[in-house]
Amino acid sequence: MYTNLRHGVFTFDHDTPVETFDTPSYASVAPIVRPREVPKRKRFDDPEGQGVLLHAIAHIEYSAIDLALDSAYRFRRMPEAYYADWVEVAHDEVRHFRMLEALMRKIGVRYGDYPVHTALFDAGRKSGGDPLERMAVVPRYLEANGLDANPKIIEKLRRYPPTPMLEAIVEALEVILEEEVSHVSKGDRWFKHFCEARGVDTAVYFDIVERYYPGLEQKNLRLNVDARRAAGFACDELKRMGAKKCE
């Protein structure tokens, strides 16, 4: 499908019934636990800590593959550009996952060696009935949070004496960060598209996210303002989220 879209050949059966997925695709690969039971990332200067870190990020990328494909599959009769965007995002996420998987193999870890949670899958399932909510919750909230978290992880990794593995992890995270800006931007574009089509103000974003994740505006978040601005967030939005400065 990705190849067809890139070459301008688009085929999609909009009349096929939409299936509901109650189990994530990774359920047969990785043990599933509650979020607080997932192994915590502590020290990153040994293979065990690096394995836990890489596995956690790989799981996010794996989940993002499913979410992007689901966004392309679930919502019918959208503009062709909508499907092209989310299939392209899925293609990027596959590449990210494989990049992380290759690093995991170097330290003897495979995807599924550690337990994972279903937080992203659950968010996708709950927002599966409305494309406006999907765009608000998944790319514009969850993926945008990754724009904030990624630099913090890179900063922690750089505090350790450099090693080839640490440098490779940082390089991978920098690639992911740069490309995730584009993914959030696509979500921002379609969120605003659906807002305009329905005649609602984009401030509905806060109402939607508040229903899923209460307390967004009360959080004192360390936002990656530059990345979020590049992805389409307005300064007034970021200030509502806790940004001290925004231009």
C-alpha atoms as a PDB file:
ATOM      1  CA  MET A   1       0.000   0.000   0.000  1.00  0.00           C
ATOM      2  CA  TYR A   2       2.833   2.398   0.862  1.00  0.00           C
ATOM      3  CA  THR A   3       4.485   1.792  -2.527  1.00  0.00           C
ATOM      4  CA  ASN A   4       1.174   2.302  -4.334  1.00  0.00           C
ATOM      5  CA  LEU A   5       0.531   5.549  -2.522  1.00  0.00           C
ATOM      6  CA  ARG A   6       4.001   6.863  -3.318  1.00  0.00           C
ATOM      7  CA  HIS A   7       3.399   6.143  -7.002  1.00  0.00           C
ATOM      8  CA  GLY A   8      -0.043   7.715  -7.035  1.00  0.00           C
ATOM      9  CA  VAL A   9      -1.909   4.417  -7.237  1.00  0.00           C
ATOM     10  CA  PHE A  10      -4.538   4.377  -4.513  1.00  0.00           C
ATOM     11  CA  THR A  11      -6.905   1.472  -3.913  1.00  0.00           C
ATOM     12  CA  PHE A  12      -9.097   1.200  -0.835  1.00  0.00           C
ATOM     13  CA  ASP A  13     -12.423  -0.544  -0.304  1.00  0.00           C
ATOM     14  CA  HIS A  14     -14.380   1.956   1.762  1.00  0.00           C
ATOM     15  CA  ASP A  15     -17.373  -0.376   2.032  1.00  0.00           C
ATOM     16  CA  THR A  16     -15.574  -3.202   3.834  1.00  0.00           C
ATOM     17  CA  PRO A  17     -16.912  -3.439   7.402  1.00  0.00           C
ATOM     18  CA  VAL A  18     -14.588  -1.938  10.000  1.00  0.00           C
ATOM     19  CA  GLU A  19     -13.348  -4.515  12.482  1.00  0.00           C
ATOM     20  CA  THR A  20     -12.844  -3.828  16.163  1.00  0.00           C
ATOM     21  CA  PHE A  21      -9.559  -5.050  17.604  1.00  0.00           C
ATOM     22  CA  ASP A  22      -9.768  -6.036  21.256  1.00  0.00           C
ATOM     23  CA  THR A  23      -6.226  -7.376  21.539  1.00  0.00           C
ATOM     24  CA  PRO A  24      -3.001  -5.647  20.486  1.00  0.00           C
ATOM     25  CA  SER A  25      -0.951  -7.287  17.757  1.00  0.00           C
ATOM     26  CA  TYR A  26       1.994  -7.780  20.126  1.00  0.00           C
ATOM     27  CA  ALA A  27      -0.038  -9.815  22.635  1.00  0.00           C
ATOM     28  CA  SER A  28       1.431 -13.072  21.342  1.00  0.00           C
ATOM     29  CA  VAL A  29       4.989 -11.702  21.420  1.00  0.00           C
ATOM     30  CA  ALA A  30       5.410  -9.750  24.662  1.00  0.00           C
ATOM     31  CA  PRO A  31       3.939 -10.324  28.132  1.00  0.00           C
ATOM     32  CA  ILE A  32       1.433  -7.612  29.040  1.00  0.00           C
ATOM     33  CA  VAL A  33       1.347  -5.982  32.479  1.00  0.00           C
ATOM     34  CA  ARG A  34      -0.030  -2.804  34.011  1.00  0.00           C
ATOM     35  CA  PRO A  35       2.021   0.335  33.230  1.00  0.00           C
ATOM     36  CA  ARG A  36       3.473   0.585  36.729  1.00  0.00           C
ATOM     37  CA  GLU A  37       4.762  -2.995  36.472  1.00  0.00           C
ATOM     38  CA  VAL A  38       6.881  -2.362  33.372  1.00  0.00           C
ATOM     39  CA  PRO A  39      10.622  -2.476  34.200  1.00  0.00           C
ATOM     40  CA  LYS A  40      11.908   0.975  35.094  1.00  0.00           C
ATOM     41  CA  ARG A  41      14.764   2.611  33.222  1.00  0.00           C
ATOM     42  CA  LYS A  42      17.462   3.457  35.769  1.00  0.00           C
ATOM     43  CA  ARG A  43      21.129   3.310  34.812  1.00  0.00           C
ATOM     44  CA  PHE A  44      22.070   3.267  31.146  1.00  0.00           C
ATOM     45  CA  ASP A  45      25.780   2.484  31.372  1.00  0.00           C
ATOM     46  CA  ASP A  46      25.358  -1.305  31.313  1.00  0.00           C
ATOM     47  CA  PRO A  47      23.699  -3.733  28.870  1.00  0.00           C
ATOM     48  CA  GLU A  48      20.766  -4.447  31.189  1.00  0.00           C
ATOM     49  CA  GLY A  49      19.799  -0.792  31.569  1.00  0.00           C
ATOM     50  CA  GLN A  50      20.317  -0.163  27.867  1.00  0.00           C
ATOM     51  CA  GLY A  51      18.201  -3.198  27.035  1.00  0.00           C
ATOM     52  CA  VAL A  52      15.326  -1.991  29.198  1.00  0.00           C
ATOM     53  CA  LEU A  53      15.537   1.480  27.642  1.00  0.00           C
ATOM     54  CA  LEU A  54      15.697   0.235  24.064  1.00  0.00           C
ATOM     55  CA  HIS A  55      12.881  -2.237  24.645  1.00  0.00           C
ATOM     56  CA  ALA A  56      10.627   0.466  26.105  1.00  0.00           C
ATOM     57  CA  ILE A  57      11.217   2.798  23.169  1.00  0.00           C
ATOM     58  CA  ALA A  58      10.853  -0.046  20.669  1.00  0.00           C
ATOM     59  CA  HIS A  59       7.483  -0.859  22.212  1.00  0.00           C
ATOM     60  CA  ILE A  60       6.366   2.729  21.688  1.00  0.00           C
ATOM     61  CA  GLU A  61       7.420   2.519  18.042  1.00  0.00           C
ATOM     62  CA  TYR A  62       5.713  -0.871  17.621  1.00  0.00           C
ATOM     63  CA  SER A  63       2.517   0.567  19.091  1.00  0.00           C
ATOM     64  CA  ALA A  64       2.848   3.607  16.838  1.00  0.00           C
ATOM     65  CA  ILE A  65       2.942   1.337  13.769  1.00  0.00           C
ATOM     66  CA  ASP A  66      -0.371  -0.175  14.793  1.00  0.00           C
ATOM     67  CA  LEU A  67      -1.917   3.198  15.584  1.00  0.00           C
ATOM     68  CA  ALA A  68      -0.895   4.765  12.271  1.00  0.00           C
ATOM     69  CA  LEU A  69      -2.209   1.806  10.287  1.00  0.00           C
ATOM     70  CA  ASP A  70      -5.401   1.793  12.339  1.00  0.00           C
ATOM     71  CA  SER A  71      -5.914   5.493  11.609  1.00  0.00           C
ATOM     72  CA  ALA A  72      -5.624   4.700   7.900  1.00  0.00           C
ATOM     73  CA  TYR A  73      -7.895   1.658   8.167  1.00  0.00           C
ATOM     74  CA  ARG A  74     -10.601   2.758  10.573  1.00  0.00           C
ATOM     75  CA  PHE A  75     -11.828   6.043   9.149  1.00  0.00           C
ATOM     76  CA  ARG A  76     -13.430   5.802   5.734  1.00  0.00           C
ATOM     77  CA  ARG A  77     -14.039   8.214   2.872  1.00  0.00           C
ATOM     78  CA  MET A  78     -11.307  10.595   3.903  1.00  0.00           C
ATOM     79  CA  PRO A  79      -9.235  12.650   1.448  1.00  0.00           C
ATOM     80  CA  GLU A  80      -6.558  10.557  -0.255  1.00  0.00           C
ATOM     81  CA  ALA A  81      -3.876  12.707   1.401  1.00  0.00           C
ATOM     82  CA  TYR A  82      -5.133  11.519   4.784  1.00  0.00           C
ATOM     83  CA  TYR A  83      -4.415   7.885   3.954  1.00  0.00           C
ATOM     84  CA  ALA A  84      -1.081   8.787   2.363  1.00  0.00           C
ATOM     85  CA  ASP A  85      -0.027  10.574   5.550  1.00  0.00           C
ATOM     86  CA  TRP A  86      -0.815   7.732   7.956  1.00  0.00           C
ATOM     87  CA  VAL A  87       0.613   4.998   5.775  1.00  0.00           C
ATOM     88  CA  GLU A  88       3.784   7.092   5.486  1.00  0.00           C
ATOM     89  CA  VAL A  89       3.871   7.476   9.278  1.00  0.00           C
ATOM     90  CA  ALA A  90       3.512   3.699   9.674  1.00  0.00           C
ATOM     91  CA  HIS A  91       6.399   3.214   7.251  1.00  0.00           C
ATOM     92  CA  ASP A  92       8.577   5.554   9.323  1.00  0.00           C
ATOM     93  CA  GLU A  93       7.635   3.800  12.557  1.00  0.00           C
ATOM     94  CA  VAL A  94       8.572   0.418  11.085  1.00  0.00           C
ATOM     95  CA  ARG A  95      11.982   1.833  10.223  1.00  0.00           C
ATOM     96  CA  HIS A  96      12.354   3.226  13.748  1.00  0.00           C
ATOM     97  CA  PHE A  97      11.428  -0.115  15.273  1.00  0.00           C
ATOM     98  CA  ARG A  98      13.921  -1.990  13.115  1.00  0.00           C
ATOM     99  CA  MET A  99      16.648   0.495  13.992  1.00  0.00           C
ATOM    100  CA  LEU A 100      16.033  -0.066  17.708  1.00  0.00           C
ATOM    101  CA  GLU A 101      15.666  -3.808  17.230  1.00  0.00           C
ATOM    102  CA  ALA A 102      19.121  -3.942  15.620  1.00  0.00           C
ATOM    103  CA  LEU A 103      20.617  -2.170  18.650  1.00  0.00           C
ATOM    104  CA  MET A 104      18.826  -4.534  21.023  1.00  0.00           C
ATOM    105  CA  ARG A 105      20.273  -7.535  19.227  1.00  0.00           C
ATOM    106  CA  LYS A 106      23.788  -6.215  19.786  1.00  0.00           C
ATOM    107  CA  ILE A 107      23.286  -6.554  23.536  1.00  0.00           C
ATOM    108  CA  GLY A 108      21.356  -9.808  23.350  1.00  0.00           C
ATOM    109  CA  VAL A 109      17.809  -8.482  23.759  1.00  0.00           C
ATOM    110  CA  ARG A 110      14.786  -9.207  21.588  1.00  0.00           C
ATOM    111  CA  TYR A 111      11.428  -7.504  21.486  1.00  0.00           C
ATOM    112  CA  GLY A 112       9.237  -9.423  23.916  1.00  0.00           C
ATOM    113  CA  ASP A 113      11.998 -10.167  26.419  1.00  0.00           C
ATOM    114  CA  TYR A 114      10.493  -7.594  28.789  1.00  0.00           C
ATOM    115  CA  PRO A 115       6.835  -7.039  29.696  1.00  0.00           C
ATOM    116  CA  VAL A 116       4.946  -4.191  28.058  1.00  0.00           C
ATOM    117  CA  HIS A 117       1.794  -2.184  28.744  1.00  0.00           C
ATOM    118  CA  THR A 118      -1.188  -1.450  26.505  1.00  0.00           C
ATOM    119  CA  ALA A 119      -1.589   2.274  27.225  1.00  0.00           C
ATOM    120  CA  LEU A 120      -1.182   3.345  23.603  1.00  0.00           C
ATOM    121  CA  PHE A 121      -3.385   0.532  22.305  1.00  0.00           C
ATOM    122  CA  ASP A 122      -6.074   1.472  24.830  1.00  0.00           C
ATOM    123  CA  ALA A 123      -5.948   5.118  23.768  1.00  0.00           C
ATOM    124  CA  GLY A 124      -6.301   4.108  20.135  1.00  0.00           C
ATOM    125  CA  ARG A 125      -9.235   1.835  20.877  1.00  0.00           C
ATOM    126  CA  LYS A 126     -11.065   4.483  22.918  1.00  0.00           C
ATOM    127  CA  SER A 127     -10.566   7.122  20.217  1.00  0.00           C
ATOM    128  CA  GLY A 128     -11.479   4.780  17.370  1.00  0.00           C
ATOM    129  CA  GLY A 129     -14.984   6.116  16.890  1.00  0.00           C
ATOM    130  CA  ASP A 130     -14.079   9.681  15.930  1.00  0.00           C
ATOM    131  CA  PRO A 131     -11.217  10.866  13.710  1.00  0.00           C
ATOM    132  CA  LEU A 132     -11.167  14.262  15.450  1.00  0.00           C
ATOM    133  CA  GLU A 133     -10.609  12.609  18.812  1.00  0.00           C
ATOM    134  CA  ARG A 134      -8.044  10.213  17.332  1.00  0.00           C
ATOM    135  CA  MET A 135      -5.985  13.098  15.955  1.00  0.00           C
ATOM    136  CA  ALA A 136      -6.216  14.971  19.256  1.00  0.00           C
ATOM    137  CA  VAL A 137      -5.376  12.043  21.498  1.00  0.00           C
ATOM    138  CA  VAL A 138      -2.778  10.051  19.555  1.00  0.00           C
ATOM    139  CA  PRO A 139      -0.523  12.293  17.447  1.00  0.00           C
ATOM    140  CA  ARG A 140      -1.321  15.619  19.083  1.00  0.00           C
ATOM    141  CA  TYR A 141      -1.141  14.435  22.684  1.00  0.00           C
ATOM    142  CA  LEU A 142       0.675  11.104  23.020  1.00  0.00           C
ATOM    143  CA  GLU A 143       3.185  11.525  20.202  1.00  0.00           C
ATOM    144  CA  ALA A 144       3.694  15.173  21.099  1.00  0.00           C
ATOM    145  CA  ASN A 145       4.600  14.061  24.620  1.00  0.00           C
ATOM    146  CA  GLY A 146       7.391  12.078  22.999  1.00  0.00           C
ATOM    147  CA  LEU A 147       8.806  15.327  21.619  1.00  0.00           C
ATOM    148  CA  ASP A 148       9.212  16.422  25.248  1.00  0.00           C
ATOM    149  CA  ALA A 149      10.507  13.106  26.621  1.00  0.00           C
ATOM    150  CA  ASN A 150      13.041  12.276  23.924  1.00  0.00           C
ATOM    151  CA  PRO A 151      15.470  15.170  24.617  1.00  0.00           C
ATOM    152  CA  LYS A 152      15.384  14.365  28.341  1.00  0.00           C
ATOM    153  CA  ILE A 153      16.495  10.800  27.663  1.00  0.00           C
ATOM    154  CA  ILE A 154      19.243  12.015  25.336  1.00  0.00           C
ATOM    155  CA  GLU A 155      20.394  14.417  28.050  1.00  0.00           C
ATOM    156  CA  LYS A 156      20.602  11.572  30.592  1.00  0.00           C
ATOM    157  CA  LEU A 157      22.524   9.345  28.189  1.00  0.00           C
ATOM    158  CA  ARG A 158      25.073  12.089  27.531  1.00  0.00           C
ATOM    159  CA  ARG A 159      25.902  12.304  31.225  1.00  0.00           C
ATOM    160  CA  TYR A 160      27.645   8.931  31.021  1.00  0.00           C
ATOM    161  CA  PRO A 161      31.141   8.438  29.603  1.00  0.00           C
ATOM    162  CA  PRO A 162      30.601   7.864  25.871  1.00  0.00           C
ATOM    163  CA  THR A 163      30.640   4.331  24.490  1.00  0.00           C
ATOM    164  CA  PRO A 164      29.798   3.084  20.978  1.00  0.00           C
ATOM    165  CA  MET A 165      26.445   1.735  22.195  1.00  0.00           C
ATOM    166  CA  LEU A 166      25.451   4.909  24.025  1.00  0.00           C
ATOM    167  CA  GLU A 167      26.388   6.974  20.995  1.00  0.00           C
ATOM    168  CA  ALA A 168      24.353   4.657  18.751  1.00  0.00           C
ATOM    169  CA  ILE A 169      21.320   4.970  21.041  1.00  0.00           C
ATOM    170  CA  VAL A 170      21.593   8.766  21.072  1.00  0.00           C
ATOM    171  CA  GLU A 171      21.882   8.810  17.282  1.00  0.00           C
ATOM    172  CA  ALA A 172      18.755   6.655  16.965  1.00  0.00           C
ATOM    173  CA  LEU A 173      16.819   8.884  19.353  1.00  0.00           C
ATOM    174  CA  GLU A 174      17.841  11.990  17.427  1.00  0.00           C
ATOM    175  CA  VAL A 175      16.559  10.443  14.190  1.00  0.00           C
ATOM    176  CA  ILE A 176      13.287   9.505  15.868  1.00  0.00           C
ATOM    177  CA  LEU A 177      12.876  12.968  17.398  1.00  0.00           C
ATOM    178  CA  GLU A 178      13.383  14.719  14.072  1.00  0.00           C
ATOM    179  CA  GLU A 179      10.927  12.484  12.251  1.00  0.00           C
ATOM    180  CA  GLU A 180       8.328  12.484  15.028  1.00  0.00           C
ATOM    181  CA  VAL A 181       7.944  16.235  14.523  1.00  0.00           C
ATOM    182  CA  SER A 182       6.594  15.416  11.064  1.00  0.00           C
ATOM    183  CA  HIS A 183       4.236  12.798  12.515  1.00  0.00           C
ATOM    184  CA  VAL A 184       2.809  15.219  15.071  1.00  0.00           C
ATOM    185  CA  SER A 185       2.525  17.814  12.315  1.00  0.00           C
ATOM    186  CA  LYS A 186       0.401  15.422  10.266  1.00  0.00           C
ATOM    187  CA  GLY A 187      -1.840  14.870  13.270  1.00  0.00           C
ATOM    188  CA  ASP A 188      -2.063  18.634  13.781  1.00  0.00           C
ATOM    189  CA  ARG A 189      -2.994  19.132  10.145  1.00  0.00           C
ATOM    190  CA  TRP A 190      -5.830  16.615  10.230  1.00  0.00           C
ATOM    191  CA  PHE A 191      -7.025  17.701  13.652  1.00  0.00           C
ATOM    192  CA  LYS A 192      -7.445  21.239  12.318  1.00  0.00           C
ATOM    193  CA  HIS A 193      -9.018  19.862   9.125  1.00  0.00           C
ATOM    194  CA  PHE A 194     -11.715  18.065  11.128  1.00  0.00           C
ATOM    195  CA  CYS A 195     -12.239  21.087  13.376  1.00  0.00           C
ATOM    196  CA  GLU A 196     -12.810  23.301  10.349  1.00  0.00           C
ATOM    197  CA  ALA A 197     -15.099  20.755   8.699  1.00  0.00           C
ATOM    198  CA  ARG A 198     -17.263  20.626  11.837  1.00  0.00           C
ATOM    199  CA  GLY A 199     -17.121  24.336  12.551  1.00  0.00           C
ATOM    200  CA  VAL A 200     -15.536  23.932  15.979  1.00  0.00           C
ATOM    201  CA  ASP A 201     -12.687  25.899  17.513  1.00  0.00           C
ATOM    202  CA  THR A 202      -9.348  24.134  17.848  1.00  0.00           C
ATOM    203  CA  ALA A 203      -9.537  24.811  21.587  1.00  0.00           C
ATOM    204  CA  VAL A 204     -11.728  21.690  21.681  1.00  0.00           C
ATOM    205  CA  TYR A 205      -8.385  19.907  21.876  1.00  0.00           C
ATOM    206  CA  PHE A 206      -8.206  20.668  25.592  1.00  0.00           C
ATOM    207  CA  ASP A 207     -11.734  19.382  26.178  1.00  0.00           C
ATOM    208  CA  ILE A 208     -10.959  16.131  24.383  1.00  0.00           C
ATOM    209  CA  VAL A 209      -7.633  15.517  26.099  1.00  0.00           C
ATOM    210  CA  GLU A 210      -9.115  16.409  29.494  1.00  0.00           C
ATOM    211  CA  ARG A 211     -11.623  13.591  29.094  1.00  0.00           C
ATOM    212  CA  TYR A 212      -8.841  11.096  28.412  1.00  0.00           C
ATOM    213  CA  TYR A 213      -6.063  12.502  30.593  1.00  0.00           C
ATOM    214  CA  PRO A 214      -7.414  14.877  33.262  1.00  0.00           C
ATOM    215  CA  GLY A 215      -5.189  17.702  34.466  1.00  0.00           C
ATOM    216  CA  LEU A 216      -3.347  18.626  31.265  1.00  0.00           C
ATOM    217  CA  GLU A 217      -3.519  22.366  31.926  1.00  0.00           C
ATOM    218  CA  GLN A 218      -2.508  21.961  35.570  1.00  0.00           C
ATOM    219  CA  LYS A 219       0.687  20.073  34.803  1.00  0.00           C
ATOM    220  CA  ASN A 220       3.975  21.947  35.016  1.00  0.00           C
ATOM    221  CA  LEU A 221       5.409  20.291  31.942  1.00  0.00           C
ATOM    222  CA  ARG A 222       8.902  20.788  30.570  1.00  0.00           C
ATOM    223  CA  LEU A 223       7.750  21.236  27.017  1.00  0.00           C
ATOM    224  CA  ASN A 224       9.913  21.048  23.927  1.00  0.00           C
ATOM    225  CA  VAL A 225       8.496  24.319  22.694  1.00  0.00           C
ATOM    226  CA  ASP A 226      10.586  24.499  19.509  1.00  0.00           C
ATOM    227  CA  ALA A 227       9.609  20.996  18.380  1.00  0.00           C
ATOM    228  CA  ARG A 228       5.954  21.518  19.241  1.00  0.00           C
ATOM    229  CA  ARG A 229       5.889  24.845  17.413  1.00  0.00           C
ATOM    230  CA  ALA A 230       7.436  23.160  14.368  1.00  0.00           C
ATOM    231  CA  ALA A 231       4.704  20.517  14.590  1.00  0.00           C
ATOM    232  CA  GLY A 232       1.930  23.111  14.528  1.00  0.00           C
ATOM    233  CA  PHE A 233       1.127  23.994  18.138  1.00  0.00           C
ATOM    234  CA  ALA A 234       0.307  27.650  18.766  1.00  0.00           C
ATOM    235  CA  CYS A 235       1.929  29.623  21.574  1.00  0.00           C
ATOM    236  CA  ASP A 236      -1.379  30.175  23.344  1.00  0.00           C
ATOM    237  CA  GLU A 237      -1.879  26.402  23.465  1.00  0.00           C
ATOM    238  CA  LEU A 238       1.593  25.775  24.821  1.00  0.00           C
ATOM    239  CA  LYS A 239       1.190  28.443  27.475  1.00  0.00           C
ATOM    240  CA  ARG A 240      -2.020  26.754  28.592  1.00  0.00           C
ATOM    241  CA  MET A 241       0.059  23.587  28.978  1.00  0.00           C
ATOM    242  CA  GLY A 242       2.634  25.334  31.129  1.00  0.00           C
ATOM    243  CA  ALA A 243       5.208  26.755  28.709  1.00  0.00           C
ATOM    244  CA  LYS A 244       6.861  29.810  30.278  1.00  0.00           C
ATOM    245  CA  LYS A 245       8.162  31.259  27.025  1.00  0.00           C
ATOM    246  CA  CYS A 246       6.942  30.887  23.468  1.00  0.00           C
ATOM    247  CA  GLU A 247       7.484  33.021  20.410  1.00  0.00           C
END
